[in-house]
Amino acid sequence: MSTKLKIYLIAGEPSGDALGARLMRALKAKTENNVEFFGIGGDTMEKEGMTSLFDISELAIMGLCEVIPSIPKVLKRIKQTVEDIVKIHPDIVITIDSWSFGSRVQKKLRALKLGIPQVHYVAPQVWAWKKKRARTMYKYVDHLLTLLPQEPKYFTPYGLDTTFVGHPVIESPVVNGDETKFRQKYQIAADNKIICLLPGSRHNEVARLLPTFLEAAAILKQQHPELFFVIPTVKTVATRVKKMIKTSPLPILVVESEEDRHNAMSAATAAIAASGTVALELAIANVPHVIGYKVAPLTAILVKKFLHIQFVNLSNILLGREIVPELLQDNCQPENIVHYINRFLEKDNLYRYQQEGFKKVQSILGLGEQKPSERAADVILELIKKNKN
């Protein structure tokens, strides 16, 4: 009979997959490999030794309106996941990000009273919207791990044990990206300035953003023939991305591996990105960038009604001022993107303002301190130990 710890992890999208993989590495190191992993994850978690219950691309949905057609499939996956947890009876269950899916699994587990510690990693952004959620999470999870230092104060008053562990972006490989290796591998000349197009990791993001990003790239290429365009993408949307660029007159390089993605970002002179974790990676890598984002019109109306923040980009939120231009909905137009990329190419005052802001963001997130995955692993192992005593 195996005496290894059994840890069940549930990640619903690529950012959670990357977070889960780092946590798995930290847990293996701290237990001298005396651990087994089960659950749901992507390529990166599978490389660390977990066979995913199903493909996480099925859960890569965003937008209030976009979710509705997928409800029957998601409900089926929730039931399947809970049944798998009951069968395995792990030492702990950790849902990572994707609270809309993870919360439903956690609620059903709590009702079953299995005596298994339940953890959620990445706090729902209650400071942005759905503040009431902070009052109810304690019913479904025993501990919450947060990425930002200001987040615990929203949950601890309601009886939920919460630990700030740090943002995973500070241990992203993008910090040590290799521009020379990337240029050599793809034979990109030193005088070609690389512009990264990052249209997101969800199908609906790519469908809405990539056409606009490609239009902007075509204009920029006319203005600056020396530019070289790269799309660092992920498995969940790679096929769609490749299909969409076939109609573009531009020669565009698409890269999928984690190493290539991060090396490409490190090599970039500037970037056009969807709002999200990838934009924060660009800030950590000191890459000048503009963000664009579009959702369904009805989703946009509802978000505007319920969102209680001035900015959507995390760098801007952390600093309380806009250092990264936010082109949202109707403002996400090719000509607006081109305007900002040209400013970065000229290295004007906006370029300098961003660089100064990136240093402050890096400091807030704890760059150079203990790795967030190691802090998270310490909390998880302590929870398992307490539950066994």
Protein backbone atom coordinates (compact mmCIF):
# COMPACT_ATOMS: atom_id res chain seq x y z
CA MET A 1 0.00 0.00 0.00
CA SER A 2 1.36 3.42 -1.02
CA THR A 3 2.15 5.85 1.78
CA LYS A 4 2.66 8.74 -0.62
CA LEU A 5 0.61 11.88 -0.14
CA LYS A 6 -2.29 12.05 -2.57
CA ILE A 7 -2.95 15.57 -3.79
CA TYR A 8 -5.89 16.46 -6.04
CA LEU A 9 -5.44 19.60 -8.14
CA ILE A 10 -8.03 21.27 -10.38
CA ALA A 11 -6.87 23.92 -12.88
CA GLY A 12 -9.36 25.14 -15.45
CA GLU A 13 -7.23 27.20 -17.82
CA PRO A 14 -3.61 27.71 -18.97
CA SER A 15 -2.71 30.29 -16.29
CA GLY A 16 -3.92 27.85 -13.62
CA ASP A 17 -2.03 25.04 -15.34
CA ALA A 18 1.23 26.99 -15.04
CA LEU A 19 0.48 27.81 -11.40
CA GLY A 20 -0.37 24.19 -10.64
CA ALA A 21 2.80 22.89 -12.26
CA ARG A 22 4.99 25.17 -10.13
CA LEU A 23 3.12 24.09 -7.01
CA MET A 24 3.65 20.43 -7.97
CA ARG A 25 7.39 21.00 -8.38
CA ALA A 26 7.58 22.66 -4.97
CA LEU A 27 5.60 19.85 -3.31
CA LYS A 28 7.83 17.19 -4.89
CA ALA A 29 10.93 19.00 -3.62
CA LYS A 30 9.57 19.47 -0.10
CA THR A 31 8.37 15.84 0.24
CA GLU A 32 11.40 14.28 -1.50
CA ASN A 33 9.02 13.06 -4.22
CA ASN A 34 6.78 11.30 -1.69
CA VAL A 35 3.64 12.55 -3.41
CA GLU A 36 1.13 11.52 -6.08
CA PHE A 37 -0.96 13.96 -8.12
CA PHE A 38 -4.47 13.55 -9.47
CA GLY A 39 -6.99 15.90 -11.03
CA ILE A 40 -7.42 18.26 -13.94
CA GLY A 41 -4.70 20.26 -15.65
CA GLY A 42 -2.97 21.06 -18.91
CA ASP A 43 0.29 20.13 -20.58
CA THR A 44 2.51 21.74 -17.96
CA MET A 45 0.91 19.89 -15.05
CA GLU A 46 0.96 16.63 -16.99
CA LYS A 47 4.72 17.06 -17.52
CA GLU A 48 5.05 17.22 -13.72
CA GLY A 49 3.36 13.84 -13.36
CA MET A 50 -0.42 14.24 -13.39
CA THR A 51 -2.77 12.58 -15.88
CA SER A 52 -5.67 14.98 -16.42
CA LEU A 53 -9.17 13.62 -15.95
CA PHE A 54 -10.20 15.48 -19.12
CA ASP A 55 -8.87 18.20 -21.46
CA ILE A 56 -8.97 21.60 -19.73
CA SER A 57 -9.78 23.33 -23.03
CA GLU A 58 -13.40 22.35 -22.31
CA LEU A 59 -13.33 24.78 -19.38
CA ALA A 60 -11.56 27.65 -21.16
CA ILE A 61 -14.69 29.81 -21.37
CA MET A 62 -15.06 33.43 -20.35
CA GLY A 63 -17.87 35.95 -20.49
CA LEU A 64 -21.31 35.83 -18.91
CA CYS A 65 -23.05 35.20 -22.23
CA GLU A 66 -20.44 32.82 -23.63
CA VAL A 67 -20.81 30.38 -20.72
CA ILE A 68 -24.52 29.62 -21.25
CA PRO A 69 -24.22 27.20 -24.23
CA SER A 70 -21.56 25.20 -22.36
CA ILE A 71 -23.55 24.68 -19.14
CA PRO A 72 -24.64 21.04 -19.78
CA LYS A 73 -21.06 19.96 -20.57
CA VAL A 74 -19.64 21.80 -17.54
CA LEU A 75 -22.24 20.27 -15.19
CA LYS A 76 -21.30 16.82 -16.47
CA ARG A 77 -17.61 17.56 -15.81
CA ILE A 78 -18.36 18.79 -12.27
CA LYS A 79 -20.16 15.52 -11.50
CA GLN A 80 -17.31 13.49 -13.03
CA THR A 81 -14.71 15.40 -10.99
CA VAL A 82 -16.52 14.94 -7.68
CA GLU A 83 -16.93 11.21 -8.34
CA ASP A 84 -13.21 10.94 -9.09
CA ILE A 85 -12.30 12.69 -5.82
CA VAL A 86 -14.59 10.37 -3.83
CA LYS A 87 -12.95 7.34 -5.47
CA ILE A 88 -9.36 8.52 -4.88
CA HIS A 89 -10.00 10.10 -1.44
CA PRO A 90 -6.92 12.36 -1.58
CA ASP A 91 -5.20 14.02 1.39
CA ILE A 92 -6.23 17.46 0.12
CA VAL A 93 -8.17 19.06 -2.75
CA ILE A 94 -6.87 22.28 -4.29
CA THR A 95 -8.82 24.25 -6.86
CA ILE A 96 -6.68 26.73 -8.77
CA ASP A 97 -8.15 29.96 -10.14
CA SER A 98 -11.33 29.33 -12.25
CA TRP A 99 -13.57 29.77 -9.19
CA SER A 100 -16.73 29.41 -11.29
CA PHE A 101 -15.88 25.73 -11.90
CA GLY A 102 -13.85 25.12 -8.75
CA SER A 103 -16.53 26.51 -6.41
CA ARG A 104 -19.13 24.07 -7.70
CA VAL A 105 -16.79 21.16 -7.09
CA GLN A 106 -15.90 22.45 -3.62
CA LYS A 107 -19.57 22.94 -2.67
CA LYS A 108 -20.47 19.39 -3.63
CA LEU A 109 -17.46 18.01 -1.73
CA ARG A 110 -18.39 19.98 1.38
CA ALA A 111 -21.91 18.51 1.29
CA LEU A 112 -20.43 15.00 1.21
CA LYS A 113 -18.47 15.64 4.45
CA LEU A 114 -15.46 13.58 3.38
CA GLY A 115 -13.10 15.12 5.95
CA ILE A 116 -10.67 16.19 3.23
CA PRO A 117 -9.07 19.67 3.58
CA GLN A 118 -10.29 21.96 0.79
CA VAL A 119 -8.13 24.82 -0.51
CA HIS A 120 -8.56 27.43 -3.20
CA TYR A 121 -5.48 29.00 -4.77
CA VAL A 122 -6.01 32.49 -6.27
CA ALA A 123 -8.64 34.63 -4.62
CA PRO A 124 -11.69 35.63 -6.65
CA GLN A 125 -11.34 39.33 -7.43
CA VAL A 126 -13.91 40.44 -4.87
CA TRP A 127 -12.26 43.86 -4.71
CA ALA A 128 -13.40 44.30 -8.32
CA TRP A 129 -16.89 42.80 -8.18
CA LYS A 130 -19.11 40.30 -6.36
CA LYS A 131 -17.89 41.50 -2.95
CA LYS A 132 -20.52 39.31 -1.27
CA ARG A 133 -18.55 36.27 -2.43
CA ALA A 134 -15.96 37.05 0.28
CA ARG A 135 -18.65 36.42 2.92
CA THR A 136 -19.50 32.91 1.73
CA MET A 137 -16.23 31.26 0.64
CA TYR A 138 -15.55 29.95 4.16
CA LYS A 139 -18.51 27.59 3.72
CA TYR A 140 -16.79 25.73 0.90
CA VAL A 141 -13.03 25.92 1.50
CA ASP A 142 -10.82 25.66 4.58
CA HIS A 143 -8.03 27.88 3.35
CA LEU A 144 -7.47 30.49 0.66
CA LEU A 145 -4.09 31.29 -0.92
CA THR A 146 -3.87 34.78 -2.43
CA LEU A 147 -1.57 36.32 -5.02
CA LEU A 148 -1.80 39.95 -3.93
CA PRO A 149 -0.92 41.45 -0.52
CA GLN A 150 -4.17 43.40 -0.15
CA GLU A 151 -6.47 40.40 -0.67
CA PRO A 152 -6.55 38.61 2.74
CA LYS A 153 -8.32 41.57 4.38
CA TYR A 154 -11.41 40.88 2.25
CA PHE A 155 -11.79 37.29 3.51
CA THR A 156 -10.41 36.97 7.05
CA PRO A 157 -13.23 39.05 8.64
CA TYR A 158 -15.64 36.32 7.49
CA GLY A 159 -13.76 33.46 9.13
CA LEU A 160 -11.76 32.17 6.17
CA ASP A 161 -8.11 31.40 6.92
CA THR A 162 -6.17 33.22 4.20
CA THR A 163 -2.46 33.41 3.35
CA PHE A 164 -0.76 35.78 0.92
CA VAL A 165 1.85 33.68 -0.90
CA GLY A 166 2.86 36.02 -3.74
CA HIS A 167 2.16 36.25 -7.44
CA PRO A 168 3.45 33.35 -9.59
CA VAL A 169 4.50 35.70 -12.34
CA ILE A 170 7.66 36.49 -10.38
CA GLU A 171 8.85 32.91 -10.88
CA SER A 172 7.82 32.76 -14.52
CA PRO A 173 10.59 31.65 -16.92
CA VAL A 174 10.05 34.95 -18.71
CA VAL A 175 12.30 36.49 -16.03
CA ASN A 176 15.21 34.52 -17.51
CA GLY A 177 14.09 34.47 -21.16
CA ASP A 178 16.84 34.03 -23.74
CA GLU A 179 16.57 36.45 -26.68
CA THR A 180 19.73 35.18 -28.40
CA LYS A 181 18.54 31.58 -28.31
CA PHE A 182 15.15 32.56 -29.72
CA ARG A 183 16.61 34.60 -32.59
CA GLN A 184 19.07 31.84 -33.47
CA LYS A 185 16.44 29.09 -33.38
CA TYR A 186 14.11 30.94 -35.76
CA GLN A 187 16.82 32.78 -37.75
CA ILE A 188 15.57 36.24 -36.86
CA ALA A 189 18.14 38.91 -37.73
CA ALA A 190 19.42 41.25 -35.04
CA ASP A 191 18.05 44.29 -36.89
CA ASN A 192 14.50 42.84 -36.95
CA LYS A 193 12.52 44.31 -34.05
CA ILE A 194 10.18 41.66 -32.64
CA ILE A 195 6.58 42.56 -31.82
CA CYS A 196 4.59 39.95 -29.89
CA LEU A 197 0.87 39.52 -30.48
CA LEU A 198 -0.80 37.88 -27.47
CA PRO A 199 -4.55 37.52 -28.12
CA GLY A 200 -5.36 35.38 -25.08
CA SER A 201 -5.69 31.72 -24.14
CA ARG A 202 -9.45 31.33 -24.53
CA HIS A 203 -11.23 30.68 -27.83
CA ASN A 204 -13.56 33.65 -27.54
CA GLU A 205 -10.66 35.98 -26.70
CA VAL A 206 -8.72 34.90 -29.78
CA ALA A 207 -11.81 35.15 -32.01
CA ARG A 208 -12.48 38.72 -30.89
CA LEU A 209 -8.96 40.09 -30.50
CA LEU A 210 -6.70 38.45 -33.07
CA PRO A 211 -8.33 40.05 -36.17
CA THR A 212 -7.83 43.51 -34.64
CA PHE A 213 -4.26 42.70 -33.58
CA LEU A 214 -3.48 41.44 -37.11
CA GLU A 215 -4.87 44.61 -38.69
CA ALA A 216 -2.66 46.68 -36.41
CA ALA A 217 0.34 44.50 -37.29
CA ALA A 218 -0.28 45.02 -41.03
CA ILE A 219 -0.28 48.80 -40.59
CA LEU A 220 2.86 48.67 -38.46
CA LYS A 221 4.64 46.49 -41.03
CA GLN A 222 3.93 49.07 -43.73
CA GLN A 223 5.34 51.82 -41.53
CA HIS A 224 8.29 49.78 -40.24
CA PRO A 225 9.40 47.03 -42.70
CA GLU A 226 12.01 45.79 -40.21
CA LEU A 227 9.36 44.54 -37.76
CA PHE A 228 8.99 40.79 -37.18
CA PHE A 229 5.77 39.48 -35.66
CA VAL A 230 5.48 36.52 -33.29
CA ILE A 231 2.39 34.99 -31.67
CA PRO A 232 3.32 33.06 -28.51
CA THR A 233 0.26 30.86 -27.92
CA VAL A 234 -0.91 27.83 -25.95
CA LYS A 235 -2.28 24.42 -26.85
CA THR A 236 -5.89 25.32 -26.04
CA VAL A 237 -6.11 27.82 -28.91
CA ALA A 238 -3.11 27.04 -31.14
CA THR A 239 -5.17 25.42 -33.91
CA ARG A 240 -7.55 28.38 -34.05
CA VAL A 241 -4.67 30.87 -34.12
CA LYS A 242 -2.93 29.09 -37.00
CA LYS A 243 -6.16 28.91 -38.97
CA MET A 244 -6.89 32.61 -38.46
CA ILE A 245 -3.46 33.85 -39.57
CA LYS A 246 -3.69 31.99 -42.89
CA THR A 247 -5.66 34.91 -44.32
CA SER A 248 -3.12 37.48 -43.12
CA PRO A 249 -0.68 38.84 -45.72
CA LEU A 250 1.99 39.02 -43.03
CA PRO A 251 4.57 36.32 -42.37
CA ILE A 252 3.89 35.58 -38.69
CA LEU A 253 5.71 33.08 -36.51
CA VAL A 254 3.52 31.08 -34.10
CA VAL A 255 5.27 29.39 -31.17
CA GLU A 256 3.65 27.05 -28.64
CA SER A 257 6.20 25.62 -26.21
CA GLU A 258 6.63 27.28 -22.83
CA GLU A 259 10.31 27.96 -23.52
CA ASP A 260 9.61 29.55 -26.91
CA ARG A 261 6.76 31.64 -25.53
CA HIS A 262 8.89 33.13 -22.78
CA ASN A 263 11.96 33.57 -24.96
CA ALA A 264 9.81 35.38 -27.54
CA MET A 265 8.47 37.78 -24.92
CA SER A 266 11.97 38.46 -23.63
CA ALA A 267 13.10 39.19 -27.19
CA ALA A 268 10.21 41.57 -27.89
CA THR A 269 10.70 45.28 -28.46
CA ALA A 270 7.00 45.75 -27.72
CA ALA A 271 3.79 43.73 -27.42
CA ILE A 272 0.05 43.87 -28.06
CA ALA A 273 -1.71 41.74 -25.46
CA ALA A 274 -5.04 40.63 -24.06
CA SER A 275 -5.67 41.68 -20.49
CA GLY A 276 -4.64 38.99 -18.04
CA THR A 277 -1.63 37.16 -16.61
CA VAL A 278 0.36 37.49 -19.82
CA ALA A 279 0.29 41.29 -19.52
CA LEU A 280 1.78 40.97 -16.05
CA GLU A 281 4.51 38.70 -17.47
CA LEU A 282 5.34 41.46 -19.94
CA ALA A 283 5.65 43.92 -17.04
CA ILE A 284 8.01 41.55 -15.22
CA ALA A 285 10.07 41.22 -18.41
CA ASN A 286 10.10 45.02 -18.88
CA VAL A 287 8.44 44.73 -22.30
CA PRO A 288 6.51 47.87 -23.35
CA HIS A 289 2.93 46.89 -24.16
CA VAL A 290 -0.63 47.97 -24.76
CA ILE A 291 -3.60 45.82 -23.83
CA GLY A 292 -6.78 45.30 -25.77
CA TYR A 293 -9.92 43.47 -24.74
CA LYS A 294 -13.41 42.80 -26.12
CA VAL A 295 -16.31 40.79 -24.76
CA ALA A 296 -19.85 40.19 -26.06
CA PRO A 297 -21.92 43.43 -26.03
CA LEU A 298 -24.33 42.15 -23.35
CA THR A 299 -21.41 40.95 -21.22
CA ALA A 300 -19.86 44.42 -21.54
CA ILE A 301 -23.06 46.09 -20.30
CA LEU A 302 -23.29 43.76 -17.30
CA VAL A 303 -19.59 44.11 -16.46
CA LYS A 304 -19.85 47.91 -16.60
CA LYS A 305 -22.76 47.73 -14.17
CA PHE A 306 -21.10 45.43 -11.65
CA LEU A 307 -17.36 46.09 -11.96
CA HIS A 308 -16.11 48.41 -9.23
CA ILE A 309 -12.58 49.22 -10.36
CA GLN A 310 -10.98 52.00 -12.34
CA PHE A 311 -8.66 49.71 -14.35
CA VAL A 312 -8.66 46.14 -15.65
CA ASN A 313 -4.91 45.67 -16.08
CA LEU A 314 -3.24 44.40 -12.91
CA SER A 315 -0.15 46.63 -13.24
CA ASN A 316 -2.45 49.66 -13.32
CA ILE A 317 -4.56 48.33 -10.42
CA LEU A 318 -1.50 47.71 -8.24
CA LEU A 319 -0.15 51.22 -8.84
CA GLY A 320 -3.49 53.04 -8.86
CA ARG A 321 -2.58 54.77 -12.12
CA GLU A 322 -2.49 53.86 -15.78
CA ILE A 323 0.98 52.90 -16.96
CA VAL A 324 -0.33 50.39 -19.52
CA PRO A 325 -2.84 51.80 -22.03
CA GLU A 326 -6.16 49.95 -21.84
CA LEU A 327 -8.06 49.70 -25.13
CA LEU A 328 -11.39 48.13 -24.23
CA GLN A 329 -14.42 47.29 -26.38
CA ASP A 330 -14.91 50.00 -29.08
CA ASN A 331 -11.55 51.57 -28.21
CA CYS A 332 -9.79 48.34 -29.19
CA GLN A 333 -9.14 49.49 -32.77
CA PRO A 334 -6.08 48.90 -35.00
CA GLU A 335 -5.25 52.60 -35.29
CA ASN A 336 -5.24 53.04 -31.50
CA ILE A 337 -2.92 50.06 -31.06
CA VAL A 338 -0.61 51.39 -33.77
CA HIS A 339 -0.45 54.77 -32.02
CA TYR A 340 0.87 53.25 -28.80
CA ILE A 341 3.27 50.78 -30.42
CA ASN A 342 4.82 53.66 -32.38
CA ARG A 343 5.34 55.54 -29.12
CA PHE A 344 7.17 52.51 -27.69
CA LEU A 345 9.31 52.23 -30.81
CA GLU A 346 10.22 55.90 -30.47
CA LYS A 347 10.94 55.39 -26.73
CA ASP A 348 9.07 58.56 -25.83
CA ASN A 349 7.86 59.63 -22.38
CA LEU A 350 5.20 56.87 -22.24
CA TYR A 351 7.93 54.27 -22.76
CA ARG A 352 9.96 55.74 -19.89
CA TYR A 353 6.85 56.06 -17.68
CA GLN A 354 6.08 52.36 -18.22
CA GLN A 355 9.61 51.23 -17.43
CA GLU A 356 9.59 53.15 -14.15
CA GLY A 357 6.17 51.70 -13.31
CA PHE A 358 7.27 48.14 -14.07
CA LYS A 359 10.02 48.39 -11.43
CA LYS A 360 7.42 49.34 -8.80
CA VAL A 361 5.10 46.50 -9.87
CA GLN A 362 7.97 44.02 -9.57
CA SER A 363 8.70 45.26 -6.05
CA ILE A 364 5.04 44.99 -4.93
CA LEU A 365 4.82 41.43 -6.25
CA GLY A 366 7.96 40.37 -4.38
CA LEU A 367 10.43 39.76 -7.20
CA GLY A 368 13.63 38.36 -5.69
CA GLU A 369 11.99 36.98 -2.52
CA GLN A 370 10.92 33.40 -1.67
CA LYS A 371 9.04 31.73 -4.52
CA PRO A 372 5.24 31.87 -4.18
CA SER A 373 4.97 28.17 -5.08
CA GLU A 374 7.21 27.28 -2.13
CA ARG A 375 5.12 29.37 0.27
CA ALA A 376 1.96 27.74 -1.07
CA ALA A 377 3.47 24.26 -0.71
CA ASP A 378 4.37 24.98 2.94
CA VAL A 379 0.76 25.96 3.73
CA ILE A 380 -0.65 22.89 1.97
CA LEU A 381 1.67 20.45 3.72
CA GLU A 382 0.85 22.02 7.09
CA LEU A 383 -2.90 21.65 6.41
CA ILE A 384 -2.43 17.96 5.56
CA LYS A 385 -0.38 17.44 8.72
CA LYS A 386 -3.01 19.13 10.92
CA ASN A 387 -5.80 17.07 9.38
CA LYS A 388 -3.96 13.82 10.07
CA ASN A 389 -3.24 14.65 13.71
